Amino acid sequence: MNELTTDIIHRAVAKLKELTGCTGHYQPIADKGAPGIDGVIELHFSEGRIIKLMAEAKREVKPYHMPAFEEANKKYNKFIVIADRIYPAQRRIMREKGIAYLDTVGNMSLEKEGILLWIDGQKLADEEKPVTNRAFTKTGLKTVFYILADEKKLNLPYRELAAATGVALGNIKYIIEGLADAGFILQIGNGQKVLKNKNGLLDRWLAGYQETLKPALHLGDYDFFNKDLNSNWQMLPAENNTIAWGGEAAAELLTNYLTPQYLTLYTNYKVPIATTWKLIPKAHGRIKMYKKFWENIEWDEKRLTPPLLVYADLMLTGDPRCIEAARIIYEKYLKDEFES
């Protein structure tokens, strides 16, 4: 069990005891026999009532977590999400879906085995507003993506890491220090570093990518002038790796699992691609064009984004079929790296 999970659960249980008198005992799950589950929490209420719940810890609940929470709630029934932060909109959605939750300031919803507990309106103190961590700014997120895609790059000299990522040399030091301050780097001797709590870092990166980096990369939405290309988009010319398909499009090519509703692509050649393909600008169009933000990542399928980015774009849709495709991508391309 990583330190962040321990801290979140202990603070949440302590706050619950302060507000209600209910005590909790937590036992981590040593193996990964229950994906997504961190452990079992036993809550002791008045009159001797006890309930055991499968628990998943999160730093902050995001909309893209919901499909996985719903699946876990169906699978385990007695399931609870324990998080540092769950904002009101997410709490409302979780209540509507019958997903139990508890956060570190004491907001809670639990309706299991005849126990009904709802605490709401507990607010984070102003002093708890987080200080900006350079690892999760736009440039930091680009660097973290590069390191998540290949952990060995963490030990590159700063100058080489800057050159590989296109991030200014002066920023690299602060980005690596930011990762260390957040508890994601472990020094193992001889000056070498490894990532720790990689799944936690992936989750943190996903949140930053959704909120900070991806919106800044958006080049526009389009439709095809030639409507036949809606079904034949795979045949579009893209010489010299000028584009990389991502999201649902990449998932279809990698898994044959789903027919894409939207076509996400990354490029540094917006005008030539739009001209050659005869794309028509259209708000909320089927084609979602983004600026390519990575280089020098080893990946055989140059016409597709790296698996980590395919996974991210699928997860952030919140669409159950895309979430399932993301899991297929994770199992095939990412699991060994993130769960070794």
Foldseek 3Di string as FASTA:
>chain_A
DDPVQVVWVVLQQVLQCVVAVKHKDWDADPDCPPPQFGTKMWIAHPPGDIDIAGEGEAQEDDLLCVVVQLVVCVVGVRYEYGYQYYDPVNVVVCVVSVHWYTHSQGATADDPPNDGDGDDDRDDDPVPPDDDQLCLAQLNLLLVVLCLLPVVCLPDPLVVSCVQQVNDSVSSVSSNVSCVVVPQWDDDDPRDIGGPPSVNVLVSSLVSCVPHHFVVFWPAAWAFPPPVCLVVVVPQDDPPLQKAWAAPVVLCVVPVQDRDQATEMEGPCVVVVCVSRVIGTDVVHRYTYGHDRGDDRDDPPSNHDPLSRNLSNLSVVSDVSSPVSSVVSCVVPNVVVNPD
